[in-house]
Amino acid sequence: MTLVQETPVSTELAVRPVAGHIGAEVTGIDLRKPVAGNDAEKLRRKLHKYKVLFFRDQHIDHTQQIAFSRHFGTVTPSHPYDDEAPEGFPEILAVDSRKYERRFGRKKYSYDNKWHTDVTAVVNPPAVTLLRAHEVPERGGDTTWTNLVAAYEGLPESLRNLVDGLRAEHRFGGRQPQWSADSDYGRRVQANPFVTEHPVVRVHPVTGEKALFVQPGFTSRIVGLSPSQSNHLLDLLFEEVTAPAYTVRFRWFPGSIAVWDNRATAHLAPTDLDHLDVTRVLYRTTIEGDVPVGPDGRESVSISGAAFRGEE
């Protein structure tokens, strides 16, 4: 695992890889200003190559974050369930420890502390996610990403051949649904469940790469296997996708931004802050995604819940 620290600011757009399999740091751009078309195209290309891009010292507001997000596609509403977007900005999801403490009655720094790819319970999970740090603790609170393409390519051929034809069910909470009816949020999740059958291996619509499209946060079972068989295979695949060799770890500072390809990565929110009395506030936007397709050409199928669409 590689830890990304602060680096000097350049005056020309540059993209520098920071780990062996994933992650690059972008310098020489001011996101308070409109992004030139050639720079936006370069960022999209580099995102597909490195899977996650890191920016430093970008002290932008909600409006500027949404404007930057649009260079990657159509911005979606903040979340299928969350109704606490900042006033006037329905596209923004506040990742706010104070909000989670009100919601769950205890200190919590993310709604999902397991490895996950964003919102894969819907039939068209976001293509890209952008996360901007506003207030972060002086220590702790790092986020880690893993490269799902590298994880697939690291499997032996016999196992790749097996998983190429498998399908998996995705729902909020994965194998351990965590939403009880004791809260308004939990009741919303239970009243309107999102459940989708996705290919275990997803073909990236831009690069053509194959990625292991499973993770503990949402994947609940392998279709067509017994519960025991499904759990054993998922345990093996989860171990592969979270192998340290495929990861990069990012230290947040106010003004830090991460942009990741949600079709080819999973990430882990921090778990080292729960015993500390600190505040952590970040703001997320997501880009409308396509319906995943497996190596056999079959698309994902919604079992329950509508597609997650934005407005042009």
C-alpha atoms as a PDB file:
ATOM      1  CA  MET A   1       0.000   0.000   0.000  1.00  0.00           C
ATOM      2  CA  THR A   2       1.315   3.457  -0.893  1.00  0.00           C
ATOM      3  CA  LEU A   3       0.569   6.561   1.201  1.00  0.00           C
ATOM      4  CA  VAL A   4       0.121   9.786  -0.773  1.00  0.00           C
ATOM      5  CA  GLN A   5       1.548  12.869   0.961  1.00  0.00           C
ATOM      6  CA  GLU A   6       1.571  16.524  -0.037  1.00  0.00           C
ATOM      7  CA  THR A   7       3.639  17.546  -3.082  1.00  0.00           C
ATOM      8  CA  PRO A   8       4.702  20.921  -4.472  1.00  0.00           C
ATOM      9  CA  VAL A   9       2.299  22.721  -6.814  1.00  0.00           C
ATOM     10  CA  SER A  10       3.262  22.912 -10.492  1.00  0.00           C
ATOM     11  CA  THR A  11       2.254  25.645 -12.957  1.00  0.00           C
ATOM     12  CA  GLU A  12       1.365  23.316 -15.848  1.00  0.00           C
ATOM     13  CA  LEU A  13      -1.064  20.410 -15.799  1.00  0.00           C
ATOM     14  CA  ALA A  14       0.886  17.305 -14.892  1.00  0.00           C
ATOM     15  CA  VAL A  15      -0.199  13.827 -13.829  1.00  0.00           C
ATOM     16  CA  ARG A  16       2.246  11.757 -11.775  1.00  0.00           C
ATOM     17  CA  PRO A  17       1.569   8.126 -10.828  1.00  0.00           C
ATOM     18  CA  VAL A  18       1.988   7.487  -7.117  1.00  0.00           C
ATOM     19  CA  ALA A  19       1.687   3.700  -6.720  1.00  0.00           C
ATOM     20  CA  GLY A  20       2.401   0.518  -8.625  1.00  0.00           C
ATOM     21  CA  HIS A  21      -1.149  -0.337  -9.681  1.00  0.00           C
ATOM     22  CA  ILE A  22      -3.385   2.653  -8.967  1.00  0.00           C
ATOM     23  CA  GLY A  23      -3.444   6.374  -8.345  1.00  0.00           C
ATOM     24  CA  ALA A  24      -1.920   9.547  -9.747  1.00  0.00           C
ATOM     25  CA  GLU A  25      -1.517  13.068  -8.418  1.00  0.00           C
ATOM     26  CA  VAL A  26      -2.545  16.033 -10.568  1.00  0.00           C
ATOM     27  CA  THR A  27      -0.759  19.384 -10.319  1.00  0.00           C
ATOM     28  CA  GLY A  28      -0.764  22.604 -12.304  1.00  0.00           C
ATOM     29  CA  ILE A  29      -4.521  23.204 -12.384  1.00  0.00           C
ATOM     30  CA  ASP A  30      -6.776  25.631 -10.506  1.00  0.00           C
ATOM     31  CA  LEU A  31     -10.295  24.233 -10.222  1.00  0.00           C
ATOM     32  CA  ARG A  32     -11.682  27.616  -9.184  1.00  0.00           C
ATOM     33  CA  LYS A  33     -11.340  28.519 -12.867  1.00  0.00           C
ATOM     34  CA  PRO A  34     -13.016  26.887 -15.894  1.00  0.00           C
ATOM     35  CA  VAL A  35     -11.142  23.785 -17.041  1.00  0.00           C
ATOM     36  CA  ALA A  36      -9.898  23.985 -20.627  1.00  0.00           C
ATOM     37  CA  GLY A  37     -11.241  21.362 -23.004  1.00  0.00           C
ATOM     38  CA  ASN A  38      -7.848  19.776 -23.673  1.00  0.00           C
ATOM     39  CA  ASP A  39      -7.129  19.594 -19.933  1.00  0.00           C
ATOM     40  CA  ALA A  40     -10.504  17.974 -19.263  1.00  0.00           C
ATOM     41  CA  GLU A  41      -9.855  15.376 -21.958  1.00  0.00           C
ATOM     42  CA  LYS A  42      -6.416  14.653 -20.512  1.00  0.00           C
ATOM     43  CA  LEU A  43      -7.910  14.186 -17.044  1.00  0.00           C
ATOM     44  CA  ARG A  44     -10.481  11.730 -18.391  1.00  0.00           C
ATOM     45  CA  ARG A  45      -7.765   9.712 -20.155  1.00  0.00           C
ATOM     46  CA  LYS A  46      -5.575   9.643 -17.071  1.00  0.00           C
ATOM     47  CA  LEU A  47      -8.526   8.649 -14.894  1.00  0.00           C
ATOM     48  CA  HIS A  48      -9.135   5.604 -17.076  1.00  0.00           C
ATOM     49  CA  LYS A  49      -5.434   4.737 -16.865  1.00  0.00           C
ATOM     50  CA  TYR A  50      -4.754   5.328 -13.158  1.00  0.00           C
ATOM     51  CA  LYS A  51      -8.311   4.752 -11.787  1.00  0.00           C
ATOM     52  CA  VAL A  52      -8.080   7.523  -9.152  1.00  0.00           C
ATOM     53  CA  LEU A  53      -6.716  11.067  -9.424  1.00  0.00           C
ATOM     54  CA  PHE A  54      -5.657  13.197  -6.455  1.00  0.00           C
ATOM     55  CA  PHE A  55      -5.655  17.000  -6.290  1.00  0.00           C
ATOM     56  CA  ARG A  56      -4.265  19.262  -3.543  1.00  0.00           C
ATOM     57  CA  ASP A  57      -5.058  22.820  -2.423  1.00  0.00           C
ATOM     58  CA  GLN A  58      -8.284  23.115  -4.430  1.00  0.00           C
ATOM     59  CA  HIS A  59     -10.400  25.335  -2.166  1.00  0.00           C
ATOM     60  CA  ILE A  60     -13.568  25.312  -4.242  1.00  0.00           C
ATOM     61  CA  ASP A  61     -17.232  25.611  -3.268  1.00  0.00           C
ATOM     62  CA  HIS A  62     -20.255  23.447  -4.075  1.00  0.00           C
ATOM     63  CA  THR A  63     -21.001  25.260  -7.338  1.00  0.00           C
ATOM     64  CA  GLN A  64     -17.429  24.861  -8.550  1.00  0.00           C
ATOM     65  CA  GLN A  65     -17.362  21.190  -7.567  1.00  0.00           C
ATOM     66  CA  ILE A  66     -20.516  20.518  -9.568  1.00  0.00           C
ATOM     67  CA  ALA A  67     -19.093  22.429 -12.544  1.00  0.00           C
ATOM     68  CA  PHE A  68     -15.878  20.394 -12.426  1.00  0.00           C
ATOM     69  CA  SER A  69     -17.847  17.162 -12.040  1.00  0.00           C
ATOM     70  CA  ARG A  70     -19.695  17.814 -15.299  1.00  0.00           C
ATOM     71  CA  HIS A  71     -16.458  17.308 -17.224  1.00  0.00           C
ATOM     72  CA  PHE A  72     -16.883  13.605 -16.421  1.00  0.00           C
ATOM     73  CA  GLY A  73     -20.563  13.260 -17.324  1.00  0.00           C
ATOM     74  CA  THR A  74     -24.061  13.924 -16.005  1.00  0.00           C
ATOM     75  CA  VAL A  75     -24.154  14.673 -12.285  1.00  0.00           C
ATOM     76  CA  THR A  76     -26.651  12.575 -10.310  1.00  0.00           C
ATOM     77  CA  PRO A  77     -28.657  13.473  -7.215  1.00  0.00           C
ATOM     78  CA  SER A  78     -26.632  13.088  -4.026  1.00  0.00           C
ATOM     79  CA  HIS A  79     -27.753   9.560  -3.103  1.00  0.00           C
ATOM     80  CA  PRO A  80     -30.719   7.210  -3.629  1.00  0.00           C
ATOM     81  CA  TYR A  81     -31.708   7.505   0.048  1.00  0.00           C
ATOM     82  CA  ASP A  82     -29.932  10.429   1.679  1.00  0.00           C
ATOM     83  CA  ASP A  83     -32.123  13.540   1.927  1.00  0.00           C
ATOM     84  CA  GLU A  84     -29.706  15.848   3.779  1.00  0.00           C
ATOM     85  CA  ALA A  85     -27.968  17.553   0.858  1.00  0.00           C
ATOM     86  CA  PRO A  86     -26.743  21.105   1.505  1.00  0.00           C
ATOM     87  CA  GLU A  87     -29.539  23.583   0.840  1.00  0.00           C
ATOM     88  CA  GLY A  88     -29.734  24.459  -2.841  1.00  0.00           C
ATOM     89  CA  PHE A  89     -27.350  21.684  -3.904  1.00  0.00           C
ATOM     90  CA  PRO A  90     -29.255  18.403  -4.341  1.00  0.00           C
ATOM     91  CA  GLU A  91     -26.260  16.942  -6.195  1.00  0.00           C
ATOM     92  CA  ILE A  92     -23.988  17.155  -3.124  1.00  0.00           C
ATOM     93  CA  LEU A  93     -23.715  14.370  -0.544  1.00  0.00           C
ATOM     94  CA  ALA A  94     -22.269  15.599   2.748  1.00  0.00           C
ATOM     95  CA  VAL A  95     -19.972  12.970   4.249  1.00  0.00           C
ATOM     96  CA  ASP A  96     -20.257  14.587   7.661  1.00  0.00           C
ATOM     97  CA  SER A  97     -19.463  12.946  10.998  1.00  0.00           C
ATOM     98  CA  ARG A  98     -21.983  15.230  12.742  1.00  0.00           C
ATOM     99  CA  LYS A  99     -24.773  14.038  10.429  1.00  0.00           C
ATOM    100  CA  TYR A 100     -23.925  10.401  11.041  1.00  0.00           C
ATOM    101  CA  GLU A 101     -23.863  10.943  14.804  1.00  0.00           C
ATOM    102  CA  ARG A 102     -27.388  12.382  14.634  1.00  0.00           C
ATOM    103  CA  ARG A 103     -28.525   9.525  12.400  1.00  0.00           C
ATOM    104  CA  PHE A 104     -26.920   6.607  14.220  1.00  0.00           C
ATOM    105  CA  GLY A 105     -26.629   7.973  17.754  1.00  0.00           C
ATOM    106  CA  ARG A 106     -22.876   7.402  17.930  1.00  0.00           C
ATOM    107  CA  LYS A 107     -19.640   8.636  16.444  1.00  0.00           C
ATOM    108  CA  LYS A 108     -19.325   7.480  12.836  1.00  0.00           C
ATOM    109  CA  TYR A 109     -17.261   8.895  10.002  1.00  0.00           C
ATOM    110  CA  SER A 110     -18.869   7.195   6.999  1.00  0.00           C
ATOM    111  CA  TYR A 111     -22.162   5.441   6.373  1.00  0.00           C
ATOM    112  CA  ASP A 112     -20.229   2.406   5.105  1.00  0.00           C
ATOM    113  CA  ASN A 113     -16.970   1.344   6.766  1.00  0.00           C
ATOM    114  CA  LYS A 114     -16.500  -1.712   4.541  1.00  0.00           C
ATOM    115  CA  TRP A 115     -14.690  -1.917   1.228  1.00  0.00           C
ATOM    116  CA  HIS A 116     -17.223  -0.864  -1.388  1.00  0.00           C
ATOM    117  CA  THR A 117     -17.836   0.501  -4.860  1.00  0.00           C
ATOM    118  CA  ASP A 118     -20.356   3.337  -4.702  1.00  0.00           C
ATOM    119  CA  VAL A 119     -24.060   2.468  -4.961  1.00  0.00           C
ATOM    120  CA  THR A 120     -23.773  -0.857  -6.804  1.00  0.00           C
ATOM    121  CA  ALA A 121     -27.218  -1.843  -5.523  1.00  0.00           C
ATOM    122  CA  VAL A 122     -28.662   0.180  -8.424  1.00  0.00           C
ATOM    123  CA  VAL A 123     -28.678  -1.163 -11.972  1.00  0.00           C
ATOM    124  CA  ASN A 124     -26.428   1.650 -13.240  1.00  0.00           C
ATOM    125  CA  PRO A 125     -23.908   2.471 -10.499  1.00  0.00           C
ATOM    126  CA  PRO A 126     -22.131   5.830 -10.779  1.00  0.00           C
ATOM    127  CA  ALA A 127     -19.376   5.906 -13.374  1.00  0.00           C
ATOM    128  CA  VAL A 128     -17.217   8.406 -11.487  1.00  0.00           C
ATOM    129  CA  THR A 129     -17.134   9.756  -7.936  1.00  0.00           C
ATOM    130  CA  LEU A 130     -15.595  13.044  -6.772  1.00  0.00           C
ATOM    131  CA  LEU A 131     -14.865  13.718  -3.094  1.00  0.00           C
ATOM    132  CA  ARG A 132     -13.668  17.067  -1.687  1.00  0.00           C
ATOM    133  CA  ALA A 133     -12.279  17.569   1.809  1.00  0.00           C
ATOM    134  CA  HIS A 134     -13.637  20.540   3.753  1.00  0.00           C
ATOM    135  CA  GLU A 135     -12.781  19.824   7.403  1.00  0.00           C
ATOM    136  CA  VAL A 136     -10.569  16.910   8.393  1.00  0.00           C
ATOM    137  CA  PRO A 137      -8.777  15.844  11.582  1.00  0.00           C
ATOM    138  CA  GLU A 138      -5.079  16.498  12.031  1.00  0.00           C
ATOM    139  CA  ARG A 139      -4.432  12.758  12.133  1.00  0.00           C
ATOM    140  CA  GLY A 140      -6.243   9.719  10.817  1.00  0.00           C
ATOM    141  CA  GLY A 141      -9.170   9.582   8.432  1.00  0.00           C
ATOM    142  CA  ASP A 142      -7.300   8.421   5.327  1.00  0.00           C
ATOM    143  CA  THR A 143      -9.139   6.709   2.456  1.00  0.00           C
ATOM    144  CA  THR A 144      -7.778   3.697   0.559  1.00  0.00           C
ATOM    145  CA  TRP A 145      -8.627   2.608  -3.010  1.00  0.00           C
ATOM    146  CA  THR A 146      -8.004  -0.676  -4.815  1.00  0.00           C
ATOM    147  CA  ASN A 147      -7.711  -1.451  -8.530  1.00  0.00           C
ATOM    148  CA  LEU A 148     -10.352  -4.037  -9.494  1.00  0.00           C
ATOM    149  CA  VAL A 149      -8.809  -4.516 -12.943  1.00  0.00           C
ATOM    150  CA  ALA A 150      -5.448  -5.450 -11.439  1.00  0.00           C
ATOM    151  CA  ALA A 151      -7.229  -7.771  -9.004  1.00  0.00           C
ATOM    152  CA  TYR A 152      -8.921  -9.603 -11.894  1.00  0.00           C
ATOM    153  CA  GLU A 153      -5.697  -9.831 -13.880  1.00  0.00           C
ATOM    154  CA  GLY A 154      -3.935 -11.243 -10.820  1.00  0.00           C
ATOM    155  CA  LEU A 155      -6.227 -14.276 -10.682  1.00  0.00           C
ATOM    156  CA  PRO A 156      -5.025 -17.569 -12.180  1.00  0.00           C
ATOM    157  CA  GLU A 157      -6.516 -18.311 -15.588  1.00  0.00           C
ATOM    158  CA  SER A 158      -8.708 -21.119 -14.274  1.00  0.00           C
ATOM    159  CA  LEU A 159     -10.334 -18.801 -11.740  1.00  0.00           C
ATOM    160  CA  ARG A 160     -10.763 -16.024 -14.312  1.00  0.00           C
ATOM    161  CA  ASN A 161     -12.560 -18.510 -16.557  1.00  0.00           C
ATOM    162  CA  LEU A 162     -14.870 -19.445 -13.683  1.00  0.00           C
ATOM    163  CA  VAL A 163     -15.838 -15.938 -12.593  1.00  0.00           C
ATOM    164  CA  ASP A 164     -16.244 -14.647 -16.174  1.00  0.00           C
ATOM    165  CA  GLY A 165     -19.611 -16.389 -16.388  1.00  0.00           C
ATOM    166  CA  LEU A 166     -20.943 -15.744 -12.882  1.00  0.00           C
ATOM    167  CA  ARG A 167     -23.497 -13.224 -11.640  1.00  0.00           C
ATOM    168  CA  ALA A 168     -23.876 -11.697  -8.184  1.00  0.00           C
ATOM    169  CA  GLU A 169     -26.619  -9.941  -6.266  1.00  0.00           C
ATOM    170  CA  HIS A 170     -25.906  -6.482  -4.850  1.00  0.00           C
ATOM    171  CA  ARG A 171     -27.868  -4.731  -2.105  1.00  0.00           C
ATOM    172  CA  PHE A 172     -27.162  -2.104   0.545  1.00  0.00           C
ATOM    173  CA  GLY A 173     -25.146  -3.760   3.312  1.00  0.00           C
ATOM    174  CA  GLY A 174     -24.037  -6.735   1.208  1.00  0.00           C
ATOM    175  CA  ARG A 175     -24.096 -10.018   3.116  1.00  0.00           C
ATOM    176  CA  GLN A 176     -24.776  -8.170   6.375  1.00  0.00           C
ATOM    177  CA  PRO A 177     -27.578  -5.633   5.830  1.00  0.00           C
ATOM    178  CA  GLN A 178     -27.093  -2.959   8.477  1.00  0.00           C
ATOM    179  CA  TRP A 179     -30.229  -0.872   8.161  1.00  0.00           C
ATOM    180  CA  SER A 180     -32.810  -1.501  10.871  1.00  0.00           C
ATOM    181  CA  ALA A 181     -36.261   0.067  11.050  1.00  0.00           C
ATOM    182  CA  ASP A 182     -35.219   1.935  14.199  1.00  0.00           C
ATOM    183  CA  SER A 183     -34.391   5.104  12.241  1.00  0.00           C
ATOM    184  CA  ASP A 184     -36.019   7.143   9.481  1.00  0.00           C
ATOM    185  CA  TYR A 185     -33.086   6.314   7.225  1.00  0.00           C
ATOM    186  CA  GLY A 186     -33.386   2.591   7.901  1.00  0.00           C
ATOM    187  CA  ARG A 187     -37.101   2.684   7.214  1.00  0.00           C
ATOM    188  CA  ARG A 188     -36.455   4.360   3.836  1.00  0.00           C
ATOM    189  CA  VAL A 189     -33.966   1.654   2.898  1.00  0.00           C
ATOM    190  CA  GLN A 190     -36.364  -1.123   3.885  1.00  0.00           C
ATOM    191  CA  ALA A 191     -39.394   0.482   2.241  1.00  0.00           C
ATOM    192  CA  ASN A 192     -37.670   0.997  -1.124  1.00  0.00           C
ATOM    193  CA  PRO A 193     -34.890  -1.594  -1.452  1.00  0.00           C
ATOM    194  CA  PHE A 194     -32.435  -1.410  -4.332  1.00  0.00           C
ATOM    195  CA  VAL A 195     -31.284  -4.865  -5.432  1.00  0.00           C
ATOM    196  CA  THR A 196     -29.488  -5.678  -8.695  1.00  0.00           C
ATOM    197  CA  GLU A 197     -27.930  -8.722 -10.330  1.00  0.00           C
ATOM    198  CA  HIS A 198     -24.553  -7.713 -11.797  1.00  0.00           C
ATOM    199  CA  PRO A 199     -21.879  -9.710 -13.609  1.00  0.00           C
ATOM    200  CA  VAL A 200     -19.074 -10.761 -11.258  1.00  0.00           C
ATOM    201  CA  VAL A 201     -16.675  -9.518 -13.929  1.00  0.00           C
ATOM    202  CA  ARG A 202     -17.473  -6.213 -15.577  1.00  0.00           C
ATOM    203  CA  VAL A 203     -16.104  -5.094 -18.955  1.00  0.00           C
ATOM    204  CA  HIS A 204     -15.125  -1.428 -18.767  1.00  0.00           C
ATOM    205  CA  PRO A 205     -17.117   0.475 -21.424  1.00  0.00           C
ATOM    206  CA  VAL A 206     -14.194   2.772 -22.335  1.00  0.00           C
ATOM    207  CA  THR A 207     -11.019   0.732 -21.900  1.00  0.00           C
ATOM    208  CA  GLY A 208     -12.394  -2.765 -22.527  1.00  0.00           C
ATOM    209  CA  GLU A 209     -10.583  -3.990 -19.409  1.00  0.00           C
ATOM    210  CA  LYS A 210     -12.152  -6.648 -17.211  1.00  0.00           C
ATOM    211  CA  ALA A 211     -12.665  -5.802 -13.536  1.00  0.00           C
ATOM    212  CA  LEU A 212     -13.780  -7.904 -10.578  1.00  0.00           C
ATOM    213  CA  PHE A 213     -17.083  -6.203  -9.805  1.00  0.00           C
ATOM    214  CA  VAL A 214     -17.627  -7.495  -6.257  1.00  0.00           C
ATOM    215  CA  GLN A 215     -16.925  -5.971  -2.831  1.00  0.00           C
ATOM    216  CA  PRO A 216     -18.096  -6.486   0.780  1.00  0.00           C
ATOM    217  CA  GLY A 217     -20.172  -3.312   0.997  1.00  0.00           C
ATOM    218  CA  PHE A 218     -22.854  -4.356  -1.503  1.00  0.00           C
ATOM    219  CA  THR A 219     -22.295  -7.874  -2.888  1.00  0.00           C
ATOM    220  CA  SER A 220     -24.618 -10.256  -1.044  1.00  0.00           C
ATOM    221  CA  ARG A 221     -24.366 -13.591  -2.904  1.00  0.00           C
ATOM    222  CA  ILE A 222     -23.280 -15.392  -6.061  1.00  0.00           C
ATOM    223  CA  VAL A 223     -26.339 -16.341  -8.104  1.00  0.00           C
ATOM    224  CA  GLY A 224     -26.814 -20.079  -8.643  1.00  0.00           C
ATOM    225  CA  LEU A 225     -24.563 -21.225  -5.795  1.00  0.00           C
ATOM    226  CA  SER A 226     -25.561 -22.532  -2.388  1.00  0.00           C
ATOM    227  CA  PRO A 227     -25.102 -20.101   0.529  1.00  0.00           C
ATOM    228  CA  SER A 228     -21.995 -21.961   1.656  1.00  0.00           C
ATOM    229  CA  GLN A 229     -20.482 -22.067  -1.841  1.00  0.00           C
ATOM    230  CA  SER A 230     -21.308 -18.408  -2.406  1.00  0.00           C
ATOM    231  CA  ASN A 231     -19.727 -17.321   0.870  1.00  0.00           C
ATOM    232  CA  HIS A 232     -16.542 -19.290   0.246  1.00  0.00           C
ATOM    233  CA  LEU A 233     -16.117 -17.861  -3.248  1.00  0.00           C
ATOM    234  CA  LEU A 234     -16.932 -14.313  -2.152  1.00  0.00           C
ATOM    235  CA  ASP A 235     -14.441 -14.580   0.705  1.00  0.00           C
ATOM    236  CA  LEU A 236     -11.768 -15.572  -1.808  1.00  0.00           C
ATOM    237  CA  LEU A 237     -12.661 -12.765  -4.225  1.00  0.00           C
ATOM    238  CA  PHE A 238     -12.895 -10.162  -1.457  1.00  0.00           C
ATOM    239  CA  GLU A 239      -9.418 -11.174  -0.326  1.00  0.00           C
ATOM    240  CA  GLU A 240      -8.141 -10.693  -3.868  1.00  0.00           C
ATOM    241  CA  VAL A 241      -9.746  -7.292  -4.482  1.00  0.00           C
ATOM    242  CA  THR A 242      -8.441  -5.896  -1.183  1.00  0.00           C
ATOM    243  CA  ALA A 243      -4.880  -7.206  -1.496  1.00  0.00           C
ATOM    244  CA  PRO A 244      -2.482  -4.422  -0.383  1.00  0.00           C
ATOM    245  CA  ALA A 245      -0.469  -4.691  -3.610  1.00  0.00           C
ATOM    246  CA  TYR A 246      -3.372  -3.227  -5.607  1.00  0.00           C
ATOM    247  CA  THR A 247      -4.079  -0.277  -3.285  1.00  0.00           C
ATOM    248  CA  VAL A 248      -3.195   3.342  -2.673  1.00  0.00           C
ATOM    249  CA  ARG A 249      -3.874   5.337   0.498  1.00  0.00           C
ATOM    250  CA  PHE A 250      -4.610   9.070   0.529  1.00  0.00           C
ATOM    251  CA  ARG A 251      -4.057  11.566   3.340  1.00  0.00           C
ATOM    252  CA  TRP A 252      -6.720  14.270   3.323  1.00  0.00           C
ATOM    253  CA  PHE A 253      -6.126  17.973   3.936  1.00  0.00           C
ATOM    254  CA  PRO A 254      -8.653  20.799   3.503  1.00  0.00           C
ATOM    255  CA  GLY A 255      -8.898  21.405  -0.246  1.00  0.00           C
ATOM    256  CA  SER A 256      -7.872  17.868  -1.213  1.00  0.00           C
ATOM    257  CA  ILE A 257      -9.970  16.223  -3.939  1.00  0.00           C
ATOM    258  CA  ALA A 258     -10.079  12.628  -5.136  1.00  0.00           C
ATOM    259  CA  VAL A 259     -11.743  11.584  -8.403  1.00  0.00           C
ATOM    260  CA  TRP A 260     -12.124   7.871  -9.044  1.00  0.00           C
ATOM    261  CA  ASP A 261     -13.435   5.539 -11.717  1.00  0.00           C
ATOM    262  CA  ASN A 262     -16.224   3.749  -9.868  1.00  0.00           C
ATOM    263  CA  ARG A 263     -16.360   1.097 -12.611  1.00  0.00           C
ATOM    264  CA  ALA A 264     -12.843  -0.130 -11.847  1.00  0.00           C
ATOM    265  CA  THR A 265     -12.217   0.560  -8.147  1.00  0.00           C
ATOM    266  CA  ALA A 266     -13.424  -0.078  -4.634  1.00  0.00           C
ATOM    267  CA  HIS A 267     -12.495   2.036  -1.628  1.00  0.00           C
ATOM    268  CA  LEU A 268     -12.336   1.866   2.146  1.00  0.00           C
ATOM    269  CA  ALA A 269     -13.499   4.696   4.386  1.00  0.00           C
ATOM    270  CA  PRO A 270     -11.498   5.352   7.559  1.00  0.00           C
ATOM    271  CA  THR A 271     -12.005   3.142  10.588  1.00  0.00           C
ATOM    272  CA  ASP A 272      -9.419   4.724  12.895  1.00  0.00           C
ATOM    273  CA  LEU A 273     -11.399   7.716  14.192  1.00  0.00           C
ATOM    274  CA  ASP A 274     -14.314   6.275  16.146  1.00  0.00           C
ATOM    275  CA  HIS A 275     -12.551   6.678  19.505  1.00  0.00           C
ATOM    276  CA  LEU A 276     -11.580  10.307  18.793  1.00  0.00           C
ATOM    277  CA  ASP A 277     -13.705  13.410  19.309  1.00  0.00           C
ATOM    278  CA  VAL A 278     -13.017  15.004  15.925  1.00  0.00           C
ATOM    279  CA  THR A 279     -15.023  16.349  13.002  1.00  0.00           C
ATOM    280  CA  ARG A 280     -14.621  15.135   9.423  1.00  0.00           C
ATOM    281  CA  VAL A 281     -16.588  16.786   6.602  1.00  0.00           C
ATOM    282  CA  LEU A 282     -16.210  16.005   2.905  1.00  0.00           C
ATOM    283  CA  TYR A 283     -18.526  16.633  -0.050  1.00  0.00           C
ATOM    284  CA  ARG A 284     -19.267  14.050  -2.738  1.00  0.00           C
ATOM    285  CA  THR A 285     -20.670  14.210  -6.247  1.00  0.00           C
ATOM    286  CA  THR A 286     -21.329  11.241  -8.515  1.00  0.00           C
ATOM    287  CA  ILE A 287     -21.612  10.853 -12.278  1.00  0.00           C
ATOM    288  CA  GLU A 288     -24.398   8.865 -13.907  1.00  0.00           C
ATOM    289  CA  GLY A 289     -23.218   5.424 -14.941  1.00  0.00           C
ATOM    290  CA  ASP A 290     -24.078   2.903 -17.602  1.00  0.00           C
ATOM    291  CA  VAL A 291     -25.525  -0.565 -17.038  1.00  0.00           C
ATOM    292  CA  PRO A 292     -22.629  -3.010 -16.484  1.00  0.00           C
ATOM    293  CA  VAL A 293     -21.962  -5.718 -19.069  1.00  0.00           C
ATOM    294  CA  GLY A 294     -20.174  -9.000 -18.435  1.00  0.00           C
ATOM    295  CA  PRO A 295     -17.708 -10.855 -20.686  1.00  0.00           C
ATOM    296  CA  ASP A 296     -20.630 -12.890 -22.048  1.00  0.00           C
ATOM    297  CA  GLY A 297     -22.411  -9.721 -23.195  1.00  0.00           C
ATOM    298  CA  ARG A 298     -25.181  -9.934 -20.605  1.00  0.00           C
ATOM    299  CA  GLU A 299     -26.204  -6.713 -18.890  1.00  0.00           C
ATOM    300  CA  SER A 300     -27.012  -6.193 -15.237  1.00  0.00           C
ATOM    301  CA  VAL A 301     -30.672  -6.648 -14.288  1.00  0.00           C
ATOM    302  CA  SER A 302     -32.568  -4.676 -11.659  1.00  0.00           C
ATOM    303  CA  ILE A 303     -34.426  -6.878  -9.180  1.00  0.00           C
ATOM    304  CA  SER A 304     -35.817  -3.958  -7.212  1.00  0.00           C
ATOM    305  CA  GLY A 305     -35.518  -0.190  -7.530  1.00  0.00           C
ATOM    306  CA  ALA A 306     -35.187   2.323 -10.352  1.00  0.00           C
ATOM    307  CA  ALA A 307     -32.072   3.419 -12.222  1.00  0.00           C
ATOM    308  CA  PHE A 308     -29.984   6.214 -10.659  1.00  0.00           C
ATOM    309  CA  ARG A 309     -30.264   9.079 -13.134  1.00  0.00           C
ATOM    310  CA  GLY A 310     -29.155  12.694 -13.217  1.00  0.00           C
ATOM    311  CA  GLU A 311     -30.496  15.631 -15.184  1.00  0.00           C
ATOM    312  CA  GLU A 312     -28.778  17.015 -18.258  1.00  0.00           C
END
